[in-house]
Amino acid sequence: MNVRRPLRALILLSGLGLGAMATYEGYAVWRAESRTKQIIATTLSKPQSIRIADLSPEQKDILLKVEDPAFYDHNGVDLSSPGQGMTTITQALVKFLYFDPFKPGFAKIEQSLIARLVLNRHLTKDQQLTIFVNQAYFGEHASKKIRGFENASRVHFGKPFSQLGTDEYIGLVGMLIGPNKLRPDKYQDAYRERVARIEMLLAGGCQPTGVLDAWYKECSIR
């Protein structure tokens, strides 16, 4: 039996599959590029409850250390910073600006490509951060999505963002990784543990063990 024929067929099919994927993803990036001008215009035209200037240096530092340590240095995707996790701030913007709904799988590849090749070229870092703090997803309340730090502050703490204490602000930042599972009113233990681990990280008491260690599992909370 000639085993080379099945092997050649497998290689050919694999090549065709990769080629088809590359073509599809290329089309997805082109489609995103063609929509970006309108998406950005619509997004920036919306009232912004929080401006970059409204964040204190400490608040900005906390947000970036937890959500996107290399935010001002990367081009939309970061595969190396310890604790980064799977999604940068730029990728998070792509998720809710370009997808409805977002489904894991090939969409993650598209999300990364659009972040790197499209959105990061069209928005400055400060523009990205402004949109993020006003549009970040904080779960649901009364069957409605909670978007942005201002709304999350009022829903979860009953006060405007400008009146948040440091621990409350850290709580909101910590919720971003899983807002519906870290609600302070429903899952107090999980919420407090998340805050404690972040506080330990900020104090220099621990470090993420790798890129995917966004939960800071090695941080002692005793």
N, C-alpha and C. Protein backbone atom coordinates (compact mmCIF):
# COMPACT_ATOMS: atom_id res chain seq x y z
N MET A 1 0.84 -1.20 0.00
CA MET A 1 0.00 0.00 0.00
C MET A 1 0.88 1.25 0.00
N ASN A 2 0.53 2.19 -0.83
CA ASN A 2 1.28 3.43 -0.93
C ASN A 2 0.76 4.41 0.12
N VAL A 3 1.53 4.58 1.20
CA VAL A 3 1.08 5.45 2.29
C VAL A 3 1.28 6.93 1.97
N ARG A 4 1.98 7.19 0.89
CA ARG A 4 2.25 8.58 0.56
C ARG A 4 1.00 9.31 0.08
N ARG A 5 0.09 8.57 -0.59
CA ARG A 5 -1.11 9.22 -1.12
C ARG A 5 -2.00 9.79 -0.01
N PRO A 6 -2.33 8.98 1.03
CA PRO A 6 -3.13 9.55 2.13
C PRO A 6 -2.43 10.72 2.81
N LEU A 7 -1.09 10.63 2.93
CA LEU A 7 -0.34 11.70 3.57
C LEU A 7 -0.41 12.97 2.73
N ARG A 8 -0.24 12.79 1.41
CA ARG A 8 -0.32 13.94 0.52
C ARG A 8 -1.71 14.56 0.56
N ALA A 9 -2.73 13.70 0.61
CA ALA A 9 -4.11 14.20 0.66
C ALA A 9 -4.35 14.99 1.94
N LEU A 10 -3.80 14.48 3.05
CA LEU A 10 -3.95 15.16 4.33
C LEU A 10 -3.27 16.52 4.31
N ILE A 11 -2.06 16.54 3.75
CA ILE A 11 -1.32 17.81 3.66
C ILE A 11 -2.07 18.80 2.78
N LEU A 12 -2.62 18.29 1.67
CA LEU A 12 -3.38 19.15 0.76
C LEU A 12 -4.61 19.73 1.43
N LEU A 13 -5.35 18.87 2.14
CA LEU A 13 -6.55 19.33 2.83
C LEU A 13 -6.20 20.34 3.92
N SER A 14 -5.11 20.07 4.62
CA SER A 14 -4.68 21.00 5.66
C SER A 14 -4.33 22.35 5.07
N GLY A 15 -3.62 22.31 3.93
CA GLY A 15 -3.26 23.55 3.26
C GLY A 15 -4.47 24.32 2.79
N LEU A 16 -5.44 23.59 2.23
CA LEU A 16 -6.67 24.24 1.77
C LEU A 16 -7.43 24.85 2.94
N GLY A 17 -7.44 24.11 4.05
CA GLY A 17 -8.13 24.62 5.23
C GLY A 17 -7.49 25.89 5.77
N LEU A 18 -6.17 25.89 5.83
CA LEU A 18 -5.46 27.07 6.31
C LEU A 18 -5.64 28.24 5.35
N GLY A 19 -5.64 27.94 4.07
CA GLY A 19 -5.85 28.99 3.08
C GLY A 19 -7.23 29.60 3.19
N ALA A 20 -8.23 28.74 3.38
CA ALA A 20 -9.60 29.23 3.52
C ALA A 20 -9.75 30.08 4.78
N MET A 21 -9.08 29.64 5.87
CA MET A 21 -9.15 30.40 7.11
C MET A 21 -8.51 31.77 6.93
N ALA A 22 -7.33 31.78 6.29
CA ALA A 22 -6.63 33.04 6.07
C ALA A 22 -7.47 33.99 5.23
N THR A 23 -8.14 33.45 4.21
CA THR A 23 -9.00 34.26 3.35
C THR A 23 -10.16 34.84 4.14
N TYR A 24 -10.78 33.99 4.95
CA TYR A 24 -11.92 34.44 5.75
C TYR A 24 -11.51 35.51 6.75
N GLU A 25 -10.40 35.28 7.45
CA GLU A 25 -9.96 36.26 8.44
C GLU A 25 -9.53 37.56 7.78
N GLY A 26 -8.93 37.44 6.59
CA GLY A 26 -8.56 38.64 5.84
C GLY A 26 -9.80 39.45 5.47
N TYR A 27 -10.85 38.75 5.08
CA TYR A 27 -12.11 39.42 4.76
C TYR A 27 -12.70 40.08 6.00
N ALA A 28 -12.61 39.39 7.13
CA ALA A 28 -13.14 39.93 8.39
C ALA A 28 -12.43 41.23 8.77
N VAL A 29 -11.11 41.27 8.58
CA VAL A 29 -10.35 42.48 8.88
C VAL A 29 -10.73 43.60 7.92
N TRP A 30 -10.86 43.26 6.65
CA TRP A 30 -11.27 44.27 5.65
C TRP A 30 -12.65 44.83 5.98
N ARG A 31 -13.56 43.96 6.35
CA ARG A 31 -14.92 44.39 6.69
C ARG A 31 -14.90 45.29 7.92
N ALA A 32 -14.07 44.93 8.92
CA ALA A 32 -13.95 45.76 10.11
C ALA A 32 -13.38 47.13 9.78
N GLU A 33 -12.35 47.14 8.92
CA GLU A 33 -11.75 48.41 8.49
C GLU A 33 -12.79 49.31 7.83
N SER A 34 -13.64 48.73 6.99
CA SER A 34 -14.64 49.52 6.27
C SER A 34 -15.71 50.09 7.20
N ARG A 35 -15.90 49.46 8.36
CA ARG A 35 -16.92 49.92 9.30
C ARG A 35 -16.38 50.84 10.38
N THR A 36 -15.07 50.89 10.50
CA THR A 36 -14.45 51.53 11.65
C THR A 36 -14.73 53.02 11.75
N LYS A 37 -14.68 53.74 10.66
CA LYS A 37 -14.91 55.18 10.70
C LYS A 37 -16.27 55.50 11.30
N GLN A 38 -17.29 54.78 10.87
CA GLN A 38 -18.63 55.02 11.39
C GLN A 38 -18.75 54.58 12.84
N ILE A 39 -18.14 53.44 13.18
CA ILE A 39 -18.19 52.94 14.55
C ILE A 39 -17.55 53.93 15.51
N ILE A 40 -16.39 54.46 15.14
CA ILE A 40 -15.69 55.40 16.01
C ILE A 40 -16.48 56.70 16.13
N ALA A 41 -17.02 57.20 15.02
CA ALA A 41 -17.79 58.45 15.05
C ALA A 41 -19.00 58.32 15.96
N THR A 42 -19.69 57.19 15.84
CA THR A 42 -20.87 56.96 16.67
C THR A 42 -20.50 56.84 18.14
N THR A 43 -19.42 56.12 18.42
CA THR A 43 -19.00 55.90 19.80
C THR A 43 -18.52 57.18 20.46
N LEU A 44 -17.71 57.96 19.76
CA LEU A 44 -17.17 59.18 20.34
C LEU A 44 -18.22 60.28 20.47
N SER A 45 -19.31 60.15 19.72
CA SER A 45 -20.37 61.16 19.79
C SER A 45 -21.26 60.98 21.03
N LYS A 46 -21.16 59.81 21.66
CA LYS A 46 -21.98 59.55 22.84
C LYS A 46 -21.43 60.32 24.04
N PRO A 47 -22.31 60.76 24.93
CA PRO A 47 -21.84 61.45 26.13
C PRO A 47 -20.91 60.55 26.96
N GLN A 48 -19.81 61.12 27.41
CA GLN A 48 -18.85 60.36 28.20
C GLN A 48 -18.96 60.81 29.66
N SER A 49 -19.41 59.91 30.53
CA SER A 49 -19.58 60.25 31.94
C SER A 49 -18.25 60.50 32.62
N ILE A 50 -17.21 59.81 32.15
CA ILE A 50 -15.89 59.91 32.76
C ILE A 50 -14.87 60.24 31.67
N ARG A 51 -14.05 61.24 31.94
CA ARG A 51 -12.94 61.58 31.05
C ARG A 51 -11.64 61.06 31.65
N ILE A 52 -10.62 60.98 30.83
CA ILE A 52 -9.31 60.54 31.34
C ILE A 52 -8.87 61.42 32.50
N ALA A 53 -9.14 62.73 32.39
CA ALA A 53 -8.73 63.66 33.44
C ALA A 53 -9.47 63.41 34.75
N ASP A 54 -10.59 62.70 34.69
CA ASP A 54 -11.35 62.41 35.91
C ASP A 54 -10.73 61.27 36.71
N LEU A 55 -9.86 60.50 36.07
CA LEU A 55 -9.16 59.42 36.78
C LEU A 55 -7.93 59.99 37.47
N SER A 56 -7.81 59.71 38.75
CA SER A 56 -6.59 60.14 39.44
C SER A 56 -5.43 59.29 38.94
N PRO A 57 -4.19 59.76 39.10
CA PRO A 57 -3.04 58.93 38.70
C PRO A 57 -3.08 57.55 39.35
N GLU A 58 -3.52 57.48 40.60
CA GLU A 58 -3.60 56.20 41.30
C GLU A 58 -4.64 55.29 40.66
N GLN A 59 -5.81 55.85 40.32
CA GLN A 59 -6.87 55.06 39.69
C GLN A 59 -6.44 54.53 38.33
N LYS A 60 -5.79 55.37 37.56
CA LYS A 60 -5.32 54.96 36.25
C LYS A 60 -4.27 53.86 36.38
N ASP A 61 -3.39 54.01 37.34
CA ASP A 61 -2.33 53.03 37.56
C ASP A 61 -2.93 51.68 37.97
N ILE A 62 -3.91 51.70 38.86
CA ILE A 62 -4.56 50.47 39.31
C ILE A 62 -5.23 49.77 38.14
N LEU A 63 -5.98 50.53 37.36
CA LEU A 63 -6.71 49.94 36.23
C LEU A 63 -5.77 49.26 35.25
N LEU A 64 -4.68 49.92 34.92
CA LEU A 64 -3.76 49.36 33.93
C LEU A 64 -2.96 48.19 34.50
N LYS A 65 -2.57 48.25 35.74
CA LYS A 65 -1.82 47.14 36.34
C LYS A 65 -2.65 45.86 36.34
N VAL A 66 -3.95 46.01 36.54
CA VAL A 66 -4.82 44.84 36.59
C VAL A 66 -5.31 44.42 35.22
N GLU A 67 -5.79 45.37 34.43
CA GLU A 67 -6.44 45.04 33.17
C GLU A 67 -5.49 44.93 31.99
N ASP A 68 -4.43 45.72 31.98
CA ASP A 68 -3.59 45.77 30.78
C ASP A 68 -2.24 46.39 31.10
N PRO A 69 -1.33 45.62 31.71
CA PRO A 69 -0.05 46.16 32.19
C PRO A 69 0.79 46.87 31.13
N ALA A 70 0.71 46.42 29.88
CA ALA A 70 1.54 47.01 28.82
C ALA A 70 0.71 47.85 27.85
N PHE A 71 -0.40 48.37 28.32
CA PHE A 71 -1.37 49.07 27.45
C PHE A 71 -0.72 50.13 26.56
N TYR A 72 0.11 50.97 27.13
CA TYR A 72 0.70 52.07 26.35
C TYR A 72 1.89 51.63 25.50
N ASP A 73 2.25 50.37 25.58
CA ASP A 73 3.40 49.89 24.81
C ASP A 73 3.03 48.90 23.70
N HIS A 74 1.92 48.19 23.83
CA HIS A 74 1.59 47.19 22.82
C HIS A 74 0.72 47.76 21.70
N ASN A 75 0.54 46.98 20.66
CA ASN A 75 -0.22 47.42 19.49
C ASN A 75 -1.61 46.81 19.42
N GLY A 76 -2.18 46.55 20.58
CA GLY A 76 -3.54 46.02 20.63
C GLY A 76 -3.62 44.62 21.17
N VAL A 77 -2.52 43.87 21.07
CA VAL A 77 -2.48 42.49 21.56
C VAL A 77 -1.22 42.32 22.39
N ASP A 78 -1.35 41.63 23.52
CA ASP A 78 -0.20 41.40 24.40
C ASP A 78 -0.18 39.94 24.82
N LEU A 79 0.85 39.24 24.41
CA LEU A 79 0.97 37.81 24.71
C LEU A 79 2.11 37.51 25.67
N SER A 80 2.61 38.54 26.36
CA SER A 80 3.78 38.31 27.19
C SER A 80 3.71 38.87 28.60
N SER A 81 2.90 39.86 28.86
CA SER A 81 2.90 40.48 30.20
C SER A 81 2.25 39.57 31.24
N PRO A 82 2.93 39.28 32.34
CA PRO A 82 2.35 38.45 33.39
C PRO A 82 1.05 39.04 33.92
N GLY A 83 0.03 38.21 34.01
CA GLY A 83 -1.26 38.66 34.52
C GLY A 83 -2.16 39.28 33.49
N GLN A 84 -1.71 39.41 32.26
CA GLN A 84 -2.50 40.06 31.23
C GLN A 84 -3.80 39.32 30.94
N GLY A 85 -3.74 38.01 30.92
CA GLY A 85 -4.93 37.26 30.53
C GLY A 85 -5.08 37.23 29.02
N MET A 86 -6.28 36.89 28.56
CA MET A 86 -6.52 36.69 27.13
C MET A 86 -6.98 37.94 26.39
N THR A 87 -7.30 39.02 27.13
CA THR A 87 -7.92 40.17 26.48
C THR A 87 -7.33 41.48 26.96
N THR A 88 -6.76 42.25 26.05
CA THR A 88 -6.28 43.59 26.36
C THR A 88 -7.47 44.56 26.33
N ILE A 89 -7.22 45.79 26.75
CA ILE A 89 -8.27 46.80 26.69
C ILE A 89 -8.71 47.02 25.24
N THR A 90 -7.76 47.03 24.32
CA THR A 90 -8.10 47.21 22.90
C THR A 90 -8.96 46.06 22.40
N GLN A 91 -8.62 44.85 22.77
CA GLN A 91 -9.42 43.70 22.38
C GLN A 91 -10.81 43.76 23.00
N ALA A 92 -10.90 44.24 24.24
CA ALA A 92 -12.20 44.38 24.88
C ALA A 92 -13.08 45.37 24.12
N LEU A 93 -12.48 46.45 23.63
CA LEU A 93 -13.24 47.41 22.83
C LEU A 93 -13.75 46.76 21.55
N VAL A 94 -12.89 45.99 20.91
CA VAL A 94 -13.29 45.29 19.69
C VAL A 94 -14.48 44.38 19.96
N LYS A 95 -14.46 43.72 21.08
CA LYS A 95 -15.50 42.75 21.44
C LYS A 95 -16.88 43.37 21.42
N PHE A 96 -17.03 44.56 22.02
CA PHE A 96 -18.38 45.13 22.06
C PHE A 96 -18.65 46.17 20.98
N LEU A 97 -17.64 46.60 20.25
CA LEU A 97 -17.86 47.54 19.14
C LEU A 97 -18.13 46.83 17.82
N TYR A 98 -17.55 45.62 17.65
CA TYR A 98 -17.62 44.95 16.35
C TYR A 98 -18.43 43.65 16.37
N PHE A 99 -18.73 43.12 17.56
CA PHE A 99 -19.42 41.82 17.63
C PHE A 99 -20.73 41.94 18.41
N ASP A 100 -21.77 41.32 17.90
CA ASP A 100 -23.04 41.28 18.62
C ASP A 100 -23.83 40.05 18.17
N PRO A 101 -23.72 38.96 18.91
CA PRO A 101 -22.91 38.79 20.13
C PRO A 101 -21.52 38.28 19.78
N PHE A 102 -20.67 38.22 20.80
CA PHE A 102 -19.33 37.67 20.63
C PHE A 102 -19.36 36.20 21.02
N LYS A 103 -18.89 35.34 20.14
CA LYS A 103 -18.85 33.90 20.42
C LYS A 103 -17.41 33.42 20.36
N PRO A 104 -16.96 32.73 21.41
CA PRO A 104 -15.57 32.24 21.44
C PRO A 104 -15.28 31.33 20.24
N GLY A 105 -14.01 31.18 19.92
CA GLY A 105 -13.61 30.35 18.78
C GLY A 105 -12.88 31.21 17.76
N PHE A 106 -13.33 31.12 16.52
CA PHE A 106 -12.71 31.93 15.47
C PHE A 106 -12.87 33.42 15.75
N ALA A 107 -13.92 33.79 16.48
CA ALA A 107 -14.13 35.20 16.79
C ALA A 107 -12.96 35.77 17.59
N LYS A 108 -12.31 34.92 18.41
CA LYS A 108 -11.16 35.39 19.18
C LYS A 108 -10.01 35.76 18.26
N ILE A 109 -9.83 35.00 17.18
CA ILE A 109 -8.80 35.33 16.21
C ILE A 109 -9.12 36.66 15.54
N GLU A 110 -10.37 36.81 15.13
CA GLU A 110 -10.81 38.06 14.50
C GLU A 110 -10.64 39.24 15.45
N GLN A 111 -11.02 39.02 16.70
CA GLN A 111 -10.91 40.07 17.71
C GLN A 111 -9.46 40.56 17.81
N SER A 112 -8.52 39.63 17.85
CA SER A 112 -7.11 39.98 17.97
C SER A 112 -6.60 40.70 16.73
N LEU A 113 -7.00 40.22 15.57
CA LEU A 113 -6.56 40.83 14.31
C LEU A 113 -7.11 42.25 14.17
N ILE A 114 -8.38 42.42 14.51
CA ILE A 114 -8.99 43.74 14.40
C ILE A 114 -8.36 44.71 15.40
N ALA A 115 -8.08 44.21 16.60
CA ALA A 115 -7.44 45.06 17.60
C ALA A 115 -6.07 45.53 17.12
N ARG A 116 -5.30 44.59 16.58
CA ARG A 116 -3.92 44.89 16.18
C ARG A 116 -3.85 45.67 14.88
N LEU A 117 -4.65 45.30 13.89
CA LEU A 117 -4.51 45.86 12.55
C LEU A 117 -5.46 47.00 12.23
N VAL A 118 -6.52 47.14 13.03
CA VAL A 118 -7.53 48.15 12.72
C VAL A 118 -7.69 49.17 13.84
N LEU A 119 -8.29 48.75 14.93
CA LEU A 119 -8.70 49.72 15.95
C LEU A 119 -7.54 50.47 16.57
N ASN A 120 -6.44 49.77 16.85
CA ASN A 120 -5.30 50.44 17.47
C ASN A 120 -4.68 51.50 16.57
N ARG A 121 -4.91 51.40 15.27
CA ARG A 121 -4.39 52.41 14.33
C ARG A 121 -5.29 53.63 14.27
N HIS A 122 -6.56 53.46 14.59
CA HIS A 122 -7.52 54.55 14.42
C HIS A 122 -7.82 55.33 15.70
N LEU A 123 -7.49 54.76 16.85
CA LEU A 123 -7.75 55.44 18.11
C LEU A 123 -6.46 55.59 18.91
N THR A 124 -6.27 56.76 19.50
CA THR A 124 -5.12 56.93 20.40
C THR A 124 -5.36 56.10 21.66
N LYS A 125 -4.33 55.88 22.42
CA LYS A 125 -4.47 55.12 23.65
C LYS A 125 -5.43 55.81 24.63
N ASP A 126 -5.35 57.13 24.72
CA ASP A 126 -6.24 57.84 25.63
C ASP A 126 -7.69 57.75 25.16
N GLN A 127 -7.92 57.78 23.86
CA GLN A 127 -9.27 57.60 23.34
C GLN A 127 -9.78 56.20 23.69
N GLN A 128 -8.93 55.21 23.53
CA GLN A 128 -9.31 53.84 23.86
C GLN A 128 -9.68 53.72 25.33
N LEU A 129 -8.87 54.31 26.18
CA LEU A 129 -9.10 54.22 27.61
C LEU A 129 -10.39 54.95 28.01
N THR A 130 -10.65 56.08 27.37
CA THR A 130 -11.88 56.83 27.65
C THR A 130 -13.10 56.00 27.31
N ILE A 131 -13.09 55.39 26.12
CA ILE A 131 -14.22 54.55 25.72
C ILE A 131 -14.36 53.38 26.68
N PHE A 132 -13.24 52.80 27.07
CA PHE A 132 -13.29 51.63 27.94
C PHE A 132 -13.93 51.94 29.29
N VAL A 133 -13.51 53.02 29.94
CA VAL A 133 -14.06 53.31 31.28
C VAL A 133 -15.54 53.69 31.21
N ASN A 134 -15.99 54.11 30.03
CA ASN A 134 -17.40 54.47 29.88
C ASN A 134 -18.26 53.35 29.32
N GLN A 135 -17.62 52.31 28.74
CA GLN A 135 -18.39 51.24 28.10
C GLN A 135 -18.09 49.85 28.64
N ALA A 136 -17.15 49.72 29.56
CA ALA A 136 -16.79 48.41 30.10
C ALA A 136 -18.02 47.71 30.67
N TYR A 137 -18.06 46.41 30.50
CA TYR A 137 -19.22 45.62 30.92
C TYR A 137 -19.10 45.20 32.38
N PHE A 138 -20.13 45.51 33.16
CA PHE A 138 -20.15 45.16 34.58
C PHE A 138 -21.33 44.27 34.94
N GLY A 139 -21.69 43.39 34.03
CA GLY A 139 -22.76 42.46 34.33
C GLY A 139 -24.13 43.04 34.07
N GLU A 140 -25.14 42.47 34.72
CA GLU A 140 -26.52 42.90 34.51
C GLU A 140 -27.20 43.22 35.83
N HIS A 141 -28.13 44.15 35.74
CA HIS A 141 -28.94 44.53 36.90
C HIS A 141 -30.34 44.85 36.41
N ALA A 142 -31.34 44.22 37.01
CA ALA A 142 -32.73 44.42 36.60
C ALA A 142 -32.89 44.13 35.11
N SER A 143 -32.21 43.06 34.65
CA SER A 143 -32.29 42.59 33.26
C SER A 143 -31.69 43.58 32.26
N LYS A 144 -30.88 44.51 32.72
CA LYS A 144 -30.22 45.45 31.82
C LYS A 144 -28.71 45.37 32.02
N LYS A 145 -27.96 45.53 30.94
CA LYS A 145 -26.51 45.52 31.03
C LYS A 145 -26.01 46.79 31.69
N ILE A 146 -25.03 46.61 32.57
CA ILE A 146 -24.39 47.75 33.22
C ILE A 146 -23.14 48.10 32.43
N ARG A 147 -23.09 49.30 31.89
CA ARG A 147 -21.96 49.72 31.08
C ARG A 147 -21.27 50.92 31.73
N GLY A 148 -19.96 50.82 31.90
CA GLY A 148 -19.16 51.93 32.37
C GLY A 148 -19.03 52.01 33.88
N PHE A 149 -17.93 52.62 34.31
CA PHE A 149 -17.64 52.74 35.74
C PHE A 149 -18.65 53.62 36.46
N GLU A 150 -19.16 54.64 35.81
CA GLU A 150 -20.13 55.52 36.47
C GLU A 150 -21.40 54.75 36.82
N ASN A 151 -21.95 54.05 35.87
CA ASN A 151 -23.16 53.27 36.12
C ASN A 151 -22.91 52.15 37.14
N ALA A 152 -21.75 51.48 37.01
CA ALA A 152 -21.42 50.41 37.94
C ALA A 152 -21.28 50.94 39.36
N SER A 153 -20.71 52.12 39.52
CA SER A 153 -20.56 52.72 40.83
C SER A 153 -21.92 52.99 41.47
N ARG A 154 -22.83 53.48 40.69
CA ARG A 154 -24.16 53.80 41.22
C ARG A 154 -24.95 52.53 41.54
N VAL A 155 -24.83 51.52 40.67
CA VAL A 155 -25.58 50.28 40.89
C VAL A 155 -25.04 49.51 42.09
N HIS A 156 -23.72 49.35 42.15
CA HIS A 156 -23.13 48.48 43.17
C HIS A 156 -22.82 49.18 44.49
N PHE A 157 -22.63 50.50 44.46
CA PHE A 157 -22.27 51.19 45.70
C PHE A 157 -23.19 52.35 46.04
N GLY A 158 -24.13 52.63 45.16
CA GLY A 158 -25.11 53.68 45.44
C GLY A 158 -24.54 55.08 45.50
N LYS A 159 -23.48 55.33 44.76
CA LYS A 159 -22.86 56.65 44.77
C LYS A 159 -22.21 56.92 43.41
N PRO A 160 -21.99 58.19 43.06
CA PRO A 160 -21.31 58.51 41.79
C PRO A 160 -19.85 58.08 41.83
N PHE A 161 -19.28 57.91 40.67
CA PHE A 161 -17.89 57.46 40.56
C PHE A 161 -16.94 58.38 41.32
N SER A 162 -17.20 59.67 41.28
CA SER A 162 -16.30 60.64 41.92
C SER A 162 -16.22 60.47 43.43
N GLN A 163 -17.17 59.74 44.03
CA GLN A 163 -17.19 59.57 45.47
C GLN A 163 -16.69 58.19 45.93
N LEU A 164 -16.22 57.38 44.99
CA LEU A 164 -15.75 56.04 45.35
C LEU A 164 -14.50 56.10 46.22
N GLY A 165 -14.45 55.20 47.19
CA GLY A 165 -13.22 55.03 47.95
C GLY A 165 -12.27 54.13 47.17
N THR A 166 -11.02 54.08 47.59
CA THR A 166 -10.03 53.29 46.86
C THR A 166 -10.41 51.81 46.83
N ASP A 167 -10.88 51.28 47.96
CA ASP A 167 -11.25 49.87 48.01
C ASP A 167 -12.43 49.57 47.10
N GLU A 168 -13.37 50.51 47.01
CA GLU A 168 -14.53 50.32 46.13
C GLU A 168 -14.10 50.38 44.66
N TYR A 169 -13.20 51.30 44.36
CA TYR A 169 -12.69 51.37 42.99
C TYR A 169 -11.96 50.10 42.61
N ILE A 170 -11.12 49.60 43.50
CA ILE A 170 -10.43 48.33 43.25
C ILE A 170 -11.45 47.22 43.03
N GLY A 171 -12.55 47.26 43.79
CA GLY A 171 -13.60 46.27 43.62
C GLY A 171 -14.18 46.28 42.22
N LEU A 172 -14.43 47.47 41.67
CA LEU A 172 -14.97 47.56 40.32
C LEU A 172 -13.95 47.06 39.29
N VAL A 173 -12.70 47.44 39.45
CA VAL A 173 -11.66 46.97 38.54
C VAL A 173 -11.58 45.45 38.61
N GLY A 174 -11.64 44.92 39.81
CA GLY A 174 -11.57 43.47 39.98
C GLY A 174 -12.74 42.74 39.36
N MET A 175 -13.90 43.38 39.32
CA MET A 175 -15.10 42.74 38.76
C MET A 175 -15.00 42.53 37.25
N LEU A 176 -14.19 43.29 36.57
CA LEU A 176 -14.14 43.26 35.11
C LEU A 176 -13.85 41.86 34.56
N ILE A 177 -13.13 41.05 35.29
CA ILE A 177 -12.76 39.73 34.80
C ILE A 177 -13.94 38.77 34.77
N GLY A 178 -14.96 39.05 35.59
CA GLY A 178 -16.14 38.19 35.64
C GLY A 178 -17.24 38.87 36.44
N PRO A 179 -17.82 39.93 35.90
CA PRO A 179 -18.75 40.78 36.67
C PRO A 179 -19.96 40.09 37.26
N ASN A 180 -20.52 39.12 36.55
CA ASN A 180 -21.72 38.46 37.08
C ASN A 180 -21.40 37.45 38.18
N LYS A 181 -20.11 37.07 38.30
CA LYS A 181 -19.70 36.12 39.33
C LYS A 181 -19.01 36.79 40.51
N LEU A 182 -18.83 38.12 40.40
CA LEU A 182 -18.11 38.85 41.45
C LEU A 182 -18.93 40.01 42.00
N ARG A 183 -20.23 39.94 41.83
CA ARG A 183 -21.08 41.01 42.34
C ARG A 183 -20.99 41.09 43.86
N PRO A 184 -20.73 42.28 44.40
CA PRO A 184 -20.57 42.40 45.86
C PRO A 184 -21.86 42.13 46.63
N ASP A 185 -23.02 42.27 45.98
CA ASP A 185 -24.28 42.04 46.68
C ASP A 185 -24.69 40.57 46.70
N LYS A 186 -24.16 39.77 45.77
CA LYS A 186 -24.56 38.37 45.67
C LYS A 186 -23.43 37.39 46.02
N TYR A 187 -22.21 37.75 45.68
CA TYR A 187 -21.08 36.84 45.87
C TYR A 187 -19.99 37.54 46.68
N GLN A 188 -20.32 37.85 47.92
CA GLN A 188 -19.43 38.67 48.73
C GLN A 188 -18.07 38.02 48.97
N ASP A 189 -18.05 36.72 49.21
CA ASP A 189 -16.77 36.05 49.47
C ASP A 189 -15.85 36.11 48.27
N ALA A 190 -16.39 35.81 47.09
CA ALA A 190 -15.59 35.85 45.86
C ALA A 190 -15.13 37.27 45.57
N TYR A 191 -16.01 38.22 45.79
CA TYR A 191 -15.69 39.64 45.56
C TYR A 191 -14.55 40.08 46.50
N ARG A 192 -14.67 39.77 47.78
CA ARG A 192 -13.66 40.18 48.74
C ARG A 192 -12.32 39.51 48.48
N GLU A 193 -12.36 38.25 48.07
CA GLU A 193 -11.12 37.55 47.76
C GLU A 193 -10.42 38.20 46.57
N ARG A 194 -11.19 38.55 45.56
CA ARG A 194 -10.62 39.21 44.38
C ARG A 194 -9.97 40.54 44.77
N VAL A 195 -10.66 41.33 45.57
CA VAL A 195 -10.12 42.62 46.02
C VAL A 195 -8.84 42.41 46.82
N ALA A 196 -8.84 41.43 47.71
CA ALA A 196 -7.66 41.17 48.54
C ALA A 196 -6.46 40.77 47.70
N ARG A 197 -6.68 39.96 46.68
CA ARG A 197 -5.57 39.55 45.83
C ARG A 197 -5.00 40.74 45.04
N ILE A 198 -5.90 41.60 44.56
CA ILE A 198 -5.43 42.78 43.83
C ILE A 198 -4.66 43.72 44.75
N GLU A 199 -5.15 43.90 45.96
CA GLU A 199 -4.44 44.75 46.91
C GLU A 199 -3.05 44.18 47.21
N MET A 200 -2.94 42.87 47.31
CA MET A 200 -1.65 42.24 47.52
C MET A 200 -0.72 42.48 46.33
N LEU A 201 -1.28 42.38 45.13
CA LEU A 201 -0.51 42.65 43.91
C LEU A 201 -0.01 44.08 43.88
N LEU A 202 -0.90 45.04 44.18
CA LEU A 202 -0.55 46.45 44.13
C LEU A 202 0.50 46.81 45.18
N ALA A 203 0.47 46.09 46.28
CA ALA A 203 1.44 46.35 47.36
C ALA A 203 2.79 45.70 47.09
N GLY A 204 2.88 44.93 46.00
CA GLY A 204 4.12 44.26 45.67
C GLY A 204 4.33 42.98 46.43
N GLY A 205 3.26 42.47 47.04
CA GLY A 205 3.39 41.25 47.83
C GLY A 205 3.34 39.98 47.04
N CYS A 206 3.02 40.07 45.75
CA CYS A 206 3.00 38.88 44.89
C CYS A 206 3.06 39.33 43.44
N GLN A 207 3.31 38.37 42.57
CA GLN A 207 3.35 38.63 41.14
C GLN A 207 2.60 37.53 40.41
N PRO A 208 1.97 37.85 39.28
CA PRO A 208 1.33 36.80 38.48
C PRO A 208 2.35 35.77 38.04
N THR A 209 1.94 34.52 37.96
CA THR A 209 2.88 33.46 37.59
C THR A 209 3.09 33.35 36.09
N GLY A 210 2.26 34.00 35.31
CA GLY A 210 2.38 33.95 33.86
C GLY A 210 1.33 34.81 33.21
N VAL A 211 1.30 34.82 31.90
CA VAL A 211 0.36 35.65 31.15
C VAL A 211 -1.08 35.35 31.53
N LEU A 212 -1.41 34.08 31.71
CA LEU A 212 -2.80 33.69 31.94
C LEU A 212 -3.23 33.78 33.40
N ASP A 213 -2.32 34.14 34.29
CA ASP A 213 -2.67 34.21 35.71
C ASP A 213 -3.32 35.55 36.05
N ALA A 214 -4.48 35.81 35.45
CA ALA A 214 -5.18 37.07 35.69
C ALA A 214 -5.95 37.07 37.01
N TRP A 215 -6.05 35.89 37.66
CA TRP A 215 -6.73 35.80 38.96
C TRP A 215 -5.75 35.87 40.12
N TYR A 216 -4.43 35.93 39.83
CA TYR A 216 -3.39 36.04 40.84
C TYR A 216 -3.50 34.93 41.88
N LYS A 217 -3.47 33.72 41.41
CA LYS A 217 -3.69 32.56 42.27
C LYS A 217 -2.63 32.39 43.35
N GLU A 218 -1.43 32.91 43.10
CA GLU A 218 -0.36 32.75 44.07
C GLU A 218 -0.36 33.84 45.14
N CYS A 219 -1.23 34.81 45.00
CA CYS A 219 -1.28 35.90 45.99
C CYS A 219 -1.94 35.40 47.26
N SER A 220 -1.24 35.48 48.36
CA SER A 220 -1.77 35.01 49.64
C SER A 220 -2.79 36.00 50.17
N ILE A 221 -3.92 35.49 50.65
CA ILE A 221 -4.96 36.36 51.19
C ILE A 221 -5.22 36.03 52.65
N ARG A 222 -4.28 35.40 53.29
CA ARG A 222 -4.45 35.03 54.71
C ARG A 222 -4.38 36.28 55.58
